[in-house]
Protein backbone atom coordinates (compact mmCIF):
# COMPACT_ATOMS: atom_id res chain seq x y z
CA MET A 1 -23.96 12.01 21.53
CA LYS A 2 -21.93 10.47 19.04
CA ARG A 3 -24.38 7.49 18.68
CA VAL A 4 -27.30 10.26 18.44
CA PHE A 5 -25.42 11.96 15.55
CA SER A 6 -25.27 8.98 13.69
CA ILE A 7 -29.04 8.18 14.09
CA PHE A 8 -29.71 11.79 13.05
CA ALA A 9 -27.63 11.36 10.31
CA LEU A 10 -28.77 7.87 9.42
CA PHE A 11 -32.66 9.93 9.27
CA LEU A 12 -31.25 12.08 6.52
CA LEU A 13 -29.40 10.12 4.55
CA SER A 14 -32.06 7.59 4.31
CA SER A 15 -34.87 9.99 4.09
CA VAL A 16 -33.98 12.47 1.16
CA PHE A 17 -32.39 10.85 -2.16
CA VAL A 18 -31.50 14.05 -3.83
CA PHE A 19 -28.01 15.33 -4.58
CA GLY A 20 -26.97 11.83 -6.29
CA ASP A 21 -26.81 10.08 -2.68
CA TYR A 22 -23.84 12.10 -0.70
CA ASN A 23 -21.33 10.31 0.66
CA ARG A 24 -17.88 10.68 2.40
CA PHE A 25 -15.80 9.07 -0.11
CA GLY A 26 -16.83 11.60 -3.09
CA ILE A 27 -17.72 8.74 -5.34
CA PRO A 28 -20.59 8.27 -8.40
CA ASP A 29 -23.64 6.58 -6.09
CA SER A 30 -26.27 4.69 -8.39
CA ALA A 31 -28.32 4.23 -5.56
CA GLU A 32 -31.23 6.03 -6.89
CA ILE A 33 -30.83 4.60 -10.04
CA ARG A 34 -31.17 0.98 -8.23
CA ARG A 35 -34.23 2.34 -6.31
CA ALA A 36 -35.90 3.07 -9.89
CA ALA A 37 -34.77 0.72 -12.70
CA GLY A 38 -33.05 -2.18 -10.74
CA SER A 39 -35.84 -3.98 -10.23
CA SER A 40 -36.49 -5.21 -13.55
CA TRP A 41 -32.72 -6.78 -13.41
CA PHE A 42 -31.89 -7.98 -10.14
CA ALA A 43 -34.55 -11.00 -9.88
CA GLU A 44 -34.86 -11.59 -13.74
CA PRO A 45 -34.39 -14.74 -15.12
CA LEU A 46 -30.76 -15.29 -17.04
CA GLU A 47 -32.82 -16.11 -20.11
CA MET A 48 -34.93 -12.68 -19.67
CA LEU A 49 -31.48 -10.68 -18.84
CA ARG A 50 -29.92 -12.30 -22.01
CA SER A 51 -32.33 -10.45 -23.85
CA LYS A 52 -31.96 -7.10 -22.67
CA LYS A 53 -29.50 -4.49 -23.85
CA SER A 54 -27.82 -2.38 -21.68
CA GLU A 55 -28.95 1.07 -20.50
CA ILE A 56 -27.92 3.79 -19.70
CA HIS A 57 -29.43 6.10 -17.05
CA ALA A 58 -28.81 9.42 -15.07
CA ASN A 59 -28.38 10.13 -11.21
CA SER A 60 -30.12 13.59 -10.11
CA ILE A 61 -27.25 15.14 -10.22
CA GLY A 62 -26.55 14.18 -14.61
CA GLN A 63 -23.79 11.17 -13.44
CA ASN A 64 -24.43 8.42 -16.64
CA PHE A 65 -24.01 4.82 -15.23
CA GLN A 66 -24.93 1.79 -17.47
CA ILE A 67 -26.75 -1.29 -16.60
CA ARG A 68 -25.95 -4.01 -18.14
CA MET A 69 -25.48 -8.28 -17.56
CA GLU A 70 -22.22 -9.70 -17.95
CA GLU A 71 -22.45 -14.21 -18.18
CA SER A 72 -19.16 -16.50 -16.75
CA GLU A 73 -19.16 -20.09 -16.88
CA ASP A 74 -20.90 -20.33 -13.27
CA PHE A 75 -22.16 -17.05 -12.96
CA PHE A 76 -23.95 -13.71 -14.59
CA SER A 77 -23.42 -10.30 -12.89
CA VAL A 78 -25.75 -7.37 -13.37
CA ILE A 79 -23.24 -4.55 -13.23
CA ILE A 80 -24.13 -0.67 -12.39
CA ALA A 81 -21.32 1.19 -13.55
CA PRO A 82 -20.40 5.07 -13.69
CA GLU A 83 -19.47 6.66 -16.99
CA ILE A 84 -15.77 7.62 -17.23
CA THR A 85 -14.26 9.02 -20.56
CA VAL A 86 -11.33 8.20 -21.77
CA PRO A 87 -9.17 9.57 -24.53
CA VAL A 88 -8.68 7.51 -27.86
CA ASP A 89 -6.10 7.48 -30.86
CA VAL A 90 -7.89 6.55 -34.06
CA TYR A 91 -6.01 6.17 -37.51
CA THR A 92 -7.67 7.84 -40.24
CA ASP A 93 -6.44 8.33 -44.17
CA SER A 94 -5.29 11.96 -42.80
CA GLY A 95 -3.30 10.63 -39.84
CA ILE A 96 -4.16 10.30 -35.81
CA THR A 97 -7.39 11.51 -34.31
CA THR A 98 -8.06 11.70 -30.76
CA ILE A 99 -11.57 11.26 -29.46
CA THR A 100 -13.41 10.95 -26.42
CA SER A 101 -14.57 7.13 -25.92
CA ARG A 102 -17.30 6.68 -23.44
CA GLN A 103 -17.01 3.60 -21.30
CA TYR A 104 -18.37 1.77 -18.03
CA PRO A 105 -15.81 -0.37 -15.91
CA ALA A 106 -17.29 -2.77 -13.77
CA ASP A 107 -14.63 -2.65 -10.99
CA ILE A 108 -14.31 1.55 -11.27
CA SER A 109 -14.90 3.40 -8.09
CA GLY A 110 -18.55 3.59 -8.13
CA SER A 111 -19.55 0.36 -9.38
CA TRP A 112 -22.18 -2.28 -8.09
CA VAL A 113 -21.82 -5.63 -9.05
CA LEU A 114 -24.33 -8.18 -7.84
CA VAL A 115 -23.58 -11.93 -8.58
CA ARG A 116 -26.05 -14.53 -9.09
CA ASN A 117 -25.86 -18.67 -9.60
CA LYS A 118 -26.33 -19.61 -13.02
CA ILE A 119 -28.44 -22.57 -12.47
CA ASP A 120 -30.80 -21.07 -9.98
CA GLY A 121 -30.34 -17.47 -10.40
CA LYS A 122 -29.85 -16.97 -6.39
CA PRO A 123 -27.90 -14.09 -5.16
CA ILE A 124 -24.31 -15.23 -4.08
CA ARG A 125 -22.70 -12.09 -3.49
CA LEU A 126 -22.24 -8.08 -4.21
CA ARG A 127 -19.62 -5.65 -4.42
CA TYR A 128 -19.41 -1.91 -3.74
CA TYR A 129 -15.90 -0.14 -5.35
CA PHE A 130 -14.95 2.49 -3.62
CA SER A 131 -11.70 3.46 -4.47
CA PRO A 132 -9.53 4.34 -7.67
CA ASP A 133 -7.73 0.70 -6.63
CA SER A 134 -10.34 -1.72 -8.04
CA ASP A 135 -8.38 -4.31 -5.66
CA VAL A 136 -10.35 -2.60 -2.72
CA PHE A 137 -13.74 -3.13 -2.37
CA VAL A 138 -16.28 -4.44 0.05
CA GLN A 139 -18.62 -7.48 -0.73
CA VAL A 140 -21.70 -8.54 1.01
CA SER A 141 -22.99 -12.06 0.80
CA PRO A 142 -26.55 -13.77 2.24
CA GLN A 143 -27.21 -16.05 4.71
CA GLU A 144 -30.14 -16.74 6.34
CA ARG A 145 -31.28 -13.90 8.29
CA TYR A 146 -27.95 -12.34 8.13
CA THR A 147 -25.70 -10.20 5.40
CA LEU A 148 -22.04 -11.50 5.67
CA THR A 149 -19.59 -8.63 5.13
CA ASP A 150 -15.80 -9.11 3.81
CA MET A 151 -13.38 -5.76 2.79
CA MET A 152 -10.98 -6.82 0.68
CA ILE A 153 -7.42 -5.18 -0.02
CA PHE A 154 -5.26 -6.13 -2.94
CA ASN A 155 -6.17 -10.06 -2.39
CA SER A 156 -6.05 -9.96 1.54
CA TYR A 157 -9.34 -9.96 3.48
CA ALA A 158 -9.21 -6.94 6.14
CA ALA A 159 -12.32 -8.53 7.36
CA GLN A 160 -14.13 -11.62 6.14
CA GLY A 161 -17.54 -13.43 6.96
CA LEU A 162 -18.85 -10.67 9.58
CA GLN A 163 -22.23 -10.88 10.31
CA VAL A 164 -24.64 -7.41 9.58
CA GLY A 165 -28.06 -7.91 11.17
CA ILE A 166 -29.41 -6.19 8.07
CA PRO A 167 -31.63 -8.37 4.97
CA PHE A 168 -29.34 -8.99 2.07
CA GLU A 169 -31.89 -7.37 -0.34
CA SER A 170 -31.84 -4.04 1.35
CA PHE A 171 -28.47 -3.51 0.21
CA TYR A 172 -29.84 -3.75 -3.51
CA THR A 173 -30.85 0.09 -3.23
CA ALA A 174 -28.47 1.06 -0.07
CA SER A 175 -26.08 3.98 -1.10
CA ILE A 176 -22.20 3.81 -0.27
CA GLU A 177 -23.01 5.86 2.58
CA GLN A 178 -25.71 3.88 3.89
CA LEU A 179 -23.08 0.89 3.29
CA PHE A 180 -21.02 2.89 5.70
CA GLN A 181 -23.32 3.73 8.00
CA TRP A 182 -24.49 0.07 8.59
CA THR A 183 -21.04 -1.76 9.02
CA GLU A 184 -19.39 1.02 10.87
CA SER A 185 -18.69 -0.88 13.82
CA VAL A 186 -18.10 -3.96 12.23
CA LEU A 187 -15.93 -3.64 9.52
CA PRO A 188 -12.18 -1.81 9.48
CA TRP A 189 -13.08 1.31 7.18
CA LYS A 190 -9.54 3.01 8.80
CA TYR A 191 -7.89 0.92 6.58
CA VAL A 192 -9.34 2.56 3.65
CA MET A 193 -9.89 5.84 4.54
CA HIS A 194 -7.23 8.68 3.86
CA ASP A 195 -6.61 12.63 3.23
CA THR A 196 -4.85 12.83 0.14
CA GLY A 197 -3.04 16.01 1.88
CA LEU A 198 -1.25 14.41 4.62
CA TYR A 199 1.48 13.33 2.23
CA HIS A 200 3.58 15.83 1.52
CA SER A 201 6.56 15.48 3.23
CA SER A 202 6.78 12.03 1.65
CA LEU A 203 6.42 13.27 -1.60
CA GLN A 204 8.80 15.77 -1.01
CA MET A 205 11.25 13.56 -0.01
CA ILE A 206 10.93 11.64 -3.16
CA GLU A 207 11.20 14.00 -5.25
CA SER A 208 14.80 15.14 -3.28
CA ILE A 209 16.06 11.80 -3.49
CA ARG A 210 15.21 11.74 -7.13
CA GLU A 211 17.24 14.44 -7.82
CA ILE A 212 20.49 13.29 -6.67
CA LEU A 213 20.16 9.99 -7.75
CA PRO A 214 22.23 10.37 -10.85
CA LEU A 215 24.77 11.75 -8.80
CA ILE A 216 24.91 8.44 -7.09
CA VAL A 217 27.45 5.54 -7.92
CA PRO A 218 26.70 2.02 -6.08
CA THR A 219 29.56 0.99 -4.89
CA GLU A 220 30.38 -2.08 -2.35
CA ASP A 221 31.08 -1.67 1.40
CA ALA A 222 30.81 2.30 0.84
CA VAL A 223 29.45 4.91 3.39
CA TYR A 224 29.79 8.17 4.73
CA ASP A 225 30.46 8.75 8.29
CA GLU A 226 28.86 11.05 10.86
CA ALA A 227 31.01 13.87 9.54
CA GLY A 228 30.03 12.82 6.14
CA ARG A 229 33.49 11.29 5.20
CA PRO A 230 33.68 8.36 2.70
CA VAL A 231 34.71 4.77 5.03
CA TYR A 232 34.21 1.56 4.39
CA LEU A 233 31.58 0.04 6.48
CA SER A 234 33.30 -3.04 7.28
CA THR A 235 35.88 -1.31 9.13
CA GLY A 236 34.97 2.44 9.50
CA LYS A 237 38.55 3.31 8.14
CA SER A 238 38.75 6.25 5.86
CA ARG A 239 38.04 5.62 2.31
CA LYS A 240 39.71 7.47 -1.05
CA ILE A 241 37.35 8.50 -3.60
CA GLU A 242 38.93 7.76 -7.05
CA PRO A 243 38.83 10.89 -9.60
CA GLU A 244 36.65 8.72 -11.87
CA THR A 245 33.97 8.97 -9.42
CA ALA A 246 34.70 12.64 -7.86
CA GLY A 247 31.50 15.12 -7.56
CA LYS A 248 29.51 11.94 -7.05
CA LEU A 249 28.57 9.74 -4.15
CA THR A 250 29.71 6.48 -3.52
CA LEU A 251 27.40 4.46 -1.60
CA SER A 252 26.36 1.15 -1.19
CA GLU A 253 23.07 -0.49 -0.67
CA ALA A 254 23.43 -0.46 3.05
CA GLY A 255 24.60 3.13 2.95
CA PHE A 256 22.08 4.53 0.63
CA VAL A 257 19.10 3.67 3.16
CA LYS A 258 21.67 5.27 5.59
CA TRP A 259 21.99 8.65 3.41
CA VAL A 260 18.44 8.51 3.27
CA VAL A 261 17.86 8.77 7.12
CA ASP A 262 20.96 11.14 7.46
CA GLY A 263 19.27 13.41 5.85
CA LEU A 264 16.33 13.45 7.96
CA ILE A 265 18.72 13.73 11.00
CA PHE A 266 21.45 16.48 10.00
CA PRO A 267 19.04 19.69 10.07
CA LEU A 268 18.19 18.79 13.63
CA THR A 269 21.59 17.75 15.14
CA GLY A 270 23.87 19.01 12.15
CA SER A 271 25.63 15.82 11.87
CA TYR A 272 24.95 12.11 10.25
CA THR A 273 24.58 9.33 12.31
CA PHE A 274 27.88 7.08 13.47
CA ARG A 275 28.56 3.95 11.81
CA ASP A 276 29.71 1.47 14.95
CA PRO A 277 25.61 1.47 16.73
CA LEU A 278 24.36 0.69 13.27
CA LEU A 279 25.90 -2.03 13.63
CA VAL A 280 24.72 -3.36 16.98
CA PRO A 281 23.21 -7.03 16.79
CA THR A 282 19.02 -6.97 17.41
CA VAL A 283 18.68 -10.66 17.27
CA GLU A 284 20.20 -13.19 19.26
CA TYR A 285 20.52 -16.87 17.78
CA LYS A 286 22.09 -19.72 19.82
CA SER A 287 25.67 -19.90 19.75
CA ILE A 288 25.82 -23.58 19.57
CA GLY A 289 23.00 -23.97 16.89
CA PHE A 290 23.04 -24.02 13.17
CA GLN A 291 21.89 -20.55 12.99
CA GLY A 292 24.16 -19.23 15.44
CA ILE A 293 27.53 -20.78 13.60
CA ILE A 294 26.77 -19.24 10.64
CA ASP A 295 25.63 -15.88 12.43
CA SER A 296 29.07 -15.96 13.41
CA ILE A 297 30.63 -16.48 10.04
CA TYR A 298 28.32 -14.27 7.73
CA ASP A 299 26.14 -11.88 10.03
CA LEU A 300 22.57 -13.01 9.11
CA SER A 301 20.74 -10.45 10.57
CA PHE A 302 23.27 -7.42 8.98
CA ALA A 303 20.78 -5.90 6.91
CA LEU A 304 17.89 -6.20 9.59
CA ASN A 305 19.91 -4.57 12.65
CA TRP A 306 21.35 -1.76 10.05
CA THR A 307 17.66 -0.76 9.22
CA ARG A 308 16.05 -1.18 12.96
CA ASN A 309 19.43 0.78 14.70
CA LEU A 310 18.87 3.65 11.95
CA ALA A 311 15.18 3.28 12.52
CA ALA A 312 15.97 3.69 16.24
CA ALA A 313 18.28 6.87 15.59
CA SER A 314 16.07 8.74 13.87
CA LEU A 315 13.51 8.51 16.71
CA SER A 316 16.02 9.21 18.93
CA VAL A 317 16.55 12.68 17.54
CA TYR A 318 13.27 13.78 16.97
CA ALA A 319 12.04 12.24 20.40
CA ASN A 320 15.20 14.08 21.84
CA LYS A 321 15.84 10.73 23.86
CA ASN A 322 18.19 8.38 23.37
CA TYR A 323 16.52 5.31 22.18
CA LEU A 324 18.07 1.70 22.07
CA TYR A 325 16.40 -0.51 18.88
CA ASP A 326 14.87 -2.94 21.99
CA ALA A 327 12.95 0.52 23.43
CA SER A 328 12.24 2.09 20.35
CA GLY A 329 9.04 0.13 19.18
CA VAL A 330 10.15 0.89 15.70
CA ASP A 331 9.21 -2.42 14.23
CA VAL A 332 6.24 -2.87 12.22
CA LYS A 333 3.74 -5.33 13.44
CA ALA A 334 0.74 -4.64 12.27
CA GLU A 335 -1.77 -7.56 11.78
CA PRO A 336 -4.67 -6.17 9.51
CA PHE A 337 -5.58 -9.00 7.55
CA CYS A 338 -7.39 -12.31 8.54
CA ALA A 339 -6.92 -14.44 5.57
CA GLU A 340 -5.64 -14.15 2.03
CA LEU A 341 -7.09 -15.28 -1.54
CA VAL A 342 -4.74 -17.92 -3.11
CA ASN A 343 -5.47 -19.17 -6.37
CA GLY A 344 -9.40 -18.63 -5.77
CA LYS A 345 -9.10 -19.74 -2.16
CA ILE A 346 -9.04 -18.60 1.14
CA GLU A 347 -6.32 -19.21 3.49
CA ASN A 348 -5.59 -18.36 6.46
CA THR A 349 -2.69 -17.41 7.46
CA SER A 350 -0.32 -15.46 9.38
CA CYS A 351 1.13 -12.08 8.82
CA TYR A 352 4.03 -10.65 10.67
CA ILE A 353 6.88 -13.08 12.07
CA LYS A 354 9.02 -12.12 14.62
CA ASN A 355 12.70 -11.11 13.69
CA THR A 356 11.58 -11.69 9.79
CA GLY A 357 8.68 -9.60 8.66
CA TYR A 358 6.14 -10.61 6.23
CA LYS A 359 6.05 -12.53 2.85
CA ILE A 360 7.01 -10.05 0.38
CA ASN A 361 3.78 -10.91 -1.58
CA ARG A 362 1.48 -9.47 1.17
CA LEU A 363 3.71 -6.33 1.02
CA GLN A 364 1.16 -3.83 -0.89
CA ALA A 365 -2.03 -4.74 1.15
CA ILE A 366 0.26 -4.33 4.46
CA LEU A 367 1.60 -0.78 2.61
CA TYR A 368 -1.92 0.02 1.71
CA VAL A 369 -3.25 -0.08 5.55
CA LEU A 370 0.49 1.54 6.88
CA ALA A 371 -0.15 4.83 4.27
CA ALA A 372 -3.73 4.91 5.08
CA GLU A 373 -3.11 4.95 9.09
CA ASN A 374 0.28 6.55 9.38
CA PRO A 375 0.88 9.22 6.53
CA ALA A 376 3.79 10.78 8.05
CA PHE A 377 6.00 7.70 7.74
CA CYS A 378 8.26 6.17 5.65
CA TYR A 379 9.71 2.68 6.08
CA LEU A 380 13.15 0.74 6.17
CA ALA A 381 12.96 -2.90 4.39
CA ALA A 382 15.41 -5.22 5.36
CA ILE A 383 14.97 -8.52 2.88
CA ARG A 384 15.45 -11.93 4.01
CA SER A 385 16.73 -14.07 1.16
CA LYS A 386 17.65 -17.94 0.48
CA SER A 387 21.05 -18.40 0.42
CA ASP A 388 22.69 -19.50 -2.90
CA THR A 389 24.84 -22.03 -1.19
CA SER A 390 22.48 -23.13 2.23
CA PRO A 391 18.56 -22.51 0.75
CA GLU A 392 17.76 -23.17 4.73
CA VAL A 393 19.23 -20.33 5.86
CA ARG A 394 18.05 -17.02 5.06
CA PRO A 395 20.32 -14.22 5.55
CA PHE A 396 19.07 -10.65 5.82
CA ASN A 397 21.79 -9.19 3.11
CA HIS A 398 19.73 -6.42 0.96
CA CYS A 399 17.94 -3.07 2.51
CA ALA A 400 15.36 -0.21 0.50
CA VAL A 401 13.82 2.80 1.62
CA ILE A 402 9.87 2.51 1.15
CA PHE A 403 7.49 5.54 0.63
CA PRO A 404 3.81 4.71 0.66
CA TYR A 405 0.81 7.12 0.16
CA PHE A 406 -2.29 8.14 -1.55
CA ASP A 407 -1.77 10.71 -4.57
CA SER A 408 -4.58 13.56 -5.48
CA THR A 409 -7.16 11.26 -7.23
CA GLY A 410 -6.78 8.89 -4.15
CA ARG A 411 -4.74 6.16 -5.86
CA PHE A 412 -2.68 3.97 -3.89
CA CYS A 413 0.98 4.94 -4.50
CA CYS A 414 4.50 3.39 -3.63
CA VAL A 415 7.68 4.42 -4.54
CA VAL A 416 10.97 2.03 -3.57
CA PHE A 417 14.77 3.61 -3.30
CA GLN A 418 17.37 0.84 -3.39
CA ASN A 419 20.95 1.10 -3.66
CA GLY A 420 20.72 4.01 -5.72
CA ARG A 421 17.80 3.56 -8.06
CA GLU A 422 14.07 4.20 -8.05
CA LEU A 423 12.11 0.73 -8.46
CA SER A 424 8.29 0.27 -8.68
CA LEU A 425 6.54 -1.46 -5.63
CA SER A 426 5.62 -4.11 -8.50
CA LYS A 427 9.33 -4.58 -9.48
CA PHE A 428 10.47 -5.02 -6.09
CA ILE A 429 8.22 -7.46 -5.08
CA GLN A 430 8.95 -9.69 -8.40
CA LEU A 431 12.61 -9.48 -7.46
CA TYR A 432 12.55 -11.05 -4.09
CA LYS A 433 9.16 -12.93 -4.93
CA ASP A 434 10.24 -15.76 -2.89
CA ASP A 435 11.02 -14.02 0.06
CA PHE A 436 10.35 -12.01 3.30
CA VAL A 437 10.64 -8.65 4.29
CA HIS A 438 10.96 -6.77 7.87
CA LEU A 439 9.73 -2.79 8.36
CA THR A 440 10.67 -0.07 10.65
CA ARG A 441 9.23 2.83 10.69
CA VAL A 442 10.62 6.59 10.36
CA GLN A 443 8.93 9.65 10.34
CA THR A 444 9.00 11.95 7.15
CA GLU A 445 9.98 15.69 7.78
CA ASP A 446 9.72 18.63 5.13
CA ARG A 447 13.13 19.16 6.43
CA PHE A 448 15.24 16.33 4.55
CA PHE A 449 18.40 17.57 3.48
CA PRO A 450 20.48 14.42 2.21
CA GLN A 451 24.50 15.17 1.42
CA LYS A 452 25.41 16.00 -1.51
CA PRO A 453 28.30 15.48 -3.18
CA GLU A 454 29.97 19.02 -3.10
CA LEU A 455 29.72 18.55 0.77
CA MET A 456 32.52 16.29 0.94
CA SER A 457 35.72 16.85 2.10
CA VAL A 458 38.02 17.63 -0.59
CA SER A 459 41.02 15.76 1.03
CA SER A 460 39.16 12.67 0.33
CA ILE A 461 39.26 12.32 -3.21
CA LYS A 462 42.96 10.79 -4.34
């Protein structure tokens, strides 16, 4: 039945090209413009195109597109891009005046770009931009009777060189909806399709955390126990609050992550997580090996154990079943990519490494896919960094909480909280640029009540 419906839908889409070429992405589509005006651009030699001026065409629903040629050292591109209006401040003798500028970016959602070889004019590839994030697109390339397709997400290949039995030239006039139909069984479209209304709980948690951040004082070895009392993380013994931090929350980096998860658990249990179970090892090292000897002294997997056990504790509460880490399935082990683009070259690389996680430069692409496929989750991050004293040793010393989501425009966003402060994802990646990050998933909820300073025991203040 599904197959019959798909064929019927494809017939309708290919037969009726009105209403600006419907597409499920809700973006401007230049297909009818390419059918009408493209022939004079797609095959013309470079010398002819150099003399052509850019053209503005409107589709049947009044969306304007610009057709132009751009030239680089080795290639030239035919670009058909939708119009956007941007406010621009203009300085005049009488002051600053804001005017509206019409622009046609080549990599905006709805853009279509054909790249041709400068020597012989032959087509090399074309791209469909369908996302508000310009680093997310589908690319098709000619190969004899077939067309090769790629899906790119932030320099990572979700699909690379997959064959579609449709002539490359058919894509010159194909709409974005036809592209989807032709590649639905080949490309992992689930990685890039999302419902922006499914991130309410993440957004609510983000705002709740932001409200309390000014009341958090980063403090070494500081955590709150299952009753909300201040204790030392290292020993579990009571910890007194200094007068200067009265009315504040004193939390270590790991204590902050616990505080976030506790805010999810408290509405269901009336208490917070216990400290001792969070320190249970989740990694075994050979006792006579180098890592094992170092671990017995420095606890190499501290942040990894902490985040894994916290995620398992959260799952236990929501599932109403006691899960230890090894049976919880909370680790993120997704392998959505087959290769990545590094300095302009395609490299086949492994993604997830057991008990280590991902290279942090892959994090943006990984989180994009996780947000699309699992909108109801945030992630506890354990960072594995090089040791200053022993470069060959990589301890898990740092941790954070990450909230990936898509905003109301469909653009990918990500908020990172670490040690009582908010970071952008780019800042977080730069901070740990040579390191690895391990992720565990935690379900987000609208019922989120993190501990506040006024809930602390007065007896804990000196």
